[in-house]
């Protein structure tokens, strides 16, 4: 991925997809702006923001993005 493009992307806190903040649905919580891949993820987040912001939360089927094996 182009480094400049990567710097302008945001991670959907519900499904962890990378989204373009310029065109993505968004919601405010705790003074922060969060961006979403779809209205569905936005609504899920608005219903339970603390669930998705919990450090132990991982979307179903997600891999640990910070872990490296080997």
C-alpha atoms as a PDB file:
ATOM      1  CA  UNK A   1       0.000   0.000   0.000  1.00  0.00           C
ATOM      2  CA  UNK A   2       1.212   3.498  -0.804  1.00  0.00           C
ATOM      3  CA  UNK A   3       2.591   5.065   2.414  1.00  0.00           C
ATOM      4  CA  UNK A   4       0.735   8.372   1.853  1.00  0.00           C
ATOM      5  CA  UNK A   5      -2.537   6.540   1.283  1.00  0.00           C
ATOM      6  CA  UNK A   6      -1.996   4.423   4.400  1.00  0.00           C
ATOM      7  CA  UNK A   7      -1.479   7.560   6.494  1.00  0.00           C
ATOM      8  CA  UNK A   8      -4.896   8.893   5.447  1.00  0.00           C
ATOM      9  CA  UNK A   9      -6.809   5.701   6.275  1.00  0.00           C
ATOM     10  CA  UNK A  10      -8.614   4.918   9.537  1.00  0.00           C
ATOM     11  CA  UNK A  11      -9.524   1.576  11.092  1.00  0.00           C
ATOM     12  CA  UNK A  12     -13.203   0.789  11.649  1.00  0.00           C
ATOM     13  CA  UNK A  13     -13.348  -0.114  15.373  1.00  0.00           C
ATOM     14  CA  UNK A  14     -16.126  -2.664  14.777  1.00  0.00           C
ATOM     15  CA  UNK A  15     -14.804  -4.825  11.906  1.00  0.00           C
ATOM     16  CA  UNK A  16     -11.239  -3.441  11.686  1.00  0.00           C
ATOM     17  CA  UNK A  17     -11.495  -2.676   7.957  1.00  0.00           C
ATOM     18  CA  UNK A  18      -9.370   0.223   6.748  1.00  0.00           C
ATOM     19  CA  UNK A  19     -11.584   3.076   5.540  1.00  0.00           C
ATOM     20  CA  UNK A  20     -11.139   6.496   3.975  1.00  0.00           C
ATOM     21  CA  UNK A  21     -12.177   9.125   6.563  1.00  0.00           C
ATOM     22  CA  UNK A  22     -13.122  11.501   3.755  1.00  0.00           C
ATOM     23  CA  UNK A  23     -16.006   9.283   2.617  1.00  0.00           C
ATOM     24  CA  UNK A  24     -16.737   6.939   5.547  1.00  0.00           C
ATOM     25  CA  UNK A  25     -19.676   7.214   7.952  1.00  0.00           C
ATOM     26  CA  UNK A  26     -18.478   8.597  11.290  1.00  0.00           C
ATOM     27  CA  UNK A  27     -19.466   8.921  14.938  1.00  0.00           C
ATOM     28  CA  UNK A  28     -18.155  10.891  17.890  1.00  0.00           C
ATOM     29  CA  UNK A  29     -17.466   9.299  21.262  1.00  0.00           C
ATOM     30  CA  UNK A  30     -15.451  10.600  24.208  1.00  0.00           C
ATOM     31  CA  UNK A  31     -14.146  13.513  22.176  1.00  0.00           C
ATOM     32  CA  UNK A  32     -12.801  11.238  19.423  1.00  0.00           C
ATOM     33  CA  UNK A  33     -14.083  10.695  15.893  1.00  0.00           C
ATOM     34  CA  UNK A  34     -14.420   7.098  14.659  1.00  0.00           C
ATOM     35  CA  UNK A  35     -14.917   6.046  11.036  1.00  0.00           C
ATOM     36  CA  UNK A  36     -16.785   3.032   9.662  1.00  0.00           C
ATOM     37  CA  UNK A  37     -16.974   0.868   6.564  1.00  0.00           C
ATOM     38  CA  UNK A  38     -20.781   0.985   6.598  1.00  0.00           C
ATOM     39  CA  UNK A  39     -23.796   2.418   8.356  1.00  0.00           C
ATOM     40  CA  UNK A  40     -24.261  -0.998  10.022  1.00  0.00           C
ATOM     41  CA  UNK A  41     -20.886  -0.829  11.762  1.00  0.00           C
ATOM     42  CA  UNK A  42     -21.592   2.775  12.733  1.00  0.00           C
ATOM     43  CA  UNK A  43     -24.922   1.802  14.336  1.00  0.00           C
ATOM     44  CA  UNK A  44     -23.355  -1.167  16.153  1.00  0.00           C
ATOM     45  CA  UNK A  45     -20.688   1.159  17.556  1.00  0.00           C
ATOM     46  CA  UNK A  46     -23.224   3.782  18.613  1.00  0.00           C
ATOM     47  CA  UNK A  47     -25.202   1.083  20.490  1.00  0.00           C
ATOM     48  CA  UNK A  48     -22.172  -0.256  22.401  1.00  0.00           C
ATOM     49  CA  UNK A  49     -19.086   1.968  21.988  1.00  0.00           C
ATOM     50  CA  UNK A  50     -17.308   0.646  25.098  1.00  0.00           C
ATOM     51  CA  UNK A  51     -17.522  -2.916  23.748  1.00  0.00           C
ATOM     52  CA  UNK A  52     -15.646  -1.984  20.589  1.00  0.00           C
ATOM     53  CA  UNK A  53     -13.128   0.260  22.352  1.00  0.00           C
ATOM     54  CA  UNK A  54     -12.211  -2.382  24.942  1.00  0.00           C
ATOM     55  CA  UNK A  55      -8.556  -3.390  24.309  1.00  0.00           C
ATOM     56  CA  UNK A  56      -9.520  -7.072  24.501  1.00  0.00           C
ATOM     57  CA  UNK A  57     -12.141  -6.756  21.715  1.00  0.00           C
ATOM     58  CA  UNK A  58     -11.398  -8.482  18.426  1.00  0.00           C
ATOM     59  CA  UNK A  59     -13.838  -8.891  15.554  1.00  0.00           C
ATOM     60  CA  UNK A  60     -14.788 -12.464  14.766  1.00  0.00           C
ATOM     61  CA  UNK A  61     -12.092 -13.977  12.573  1.00  0.00           C
ATOM     62  CA  UNK A  62      -9.597 -11.152  13.191  1.00  0.00           C
ATOM     63  CA  UNK A  63      -5.933 -11.865  13.648  1.00  0.00           C
ATOM     64  CA  UNK A  64      -3.718 -10.105  16.143  1.00  0.00           C
ATOM     65  CA  UNK A  65      -2.440  -7.256  13.975  1.00  0.00           C
ATOM     66  CA  UNK A  66       0.543  -6.584  16.227  1.00  0.00           C
ATOM     67  CA  UNK A  67       1.844 -10.125  16.573  1.00  0.00           C
ATOM     68  CA  UNK A  68       4.547 -11.598  14.392  1.00  0.00           C
ATOM     69  CA  UNK A  69       5.233 -15.277  14.322  1.00  0.00           C
ATOM     70  CA  UNK A  70       8.640 -16.767  13.802  1.00  0.00           C
END
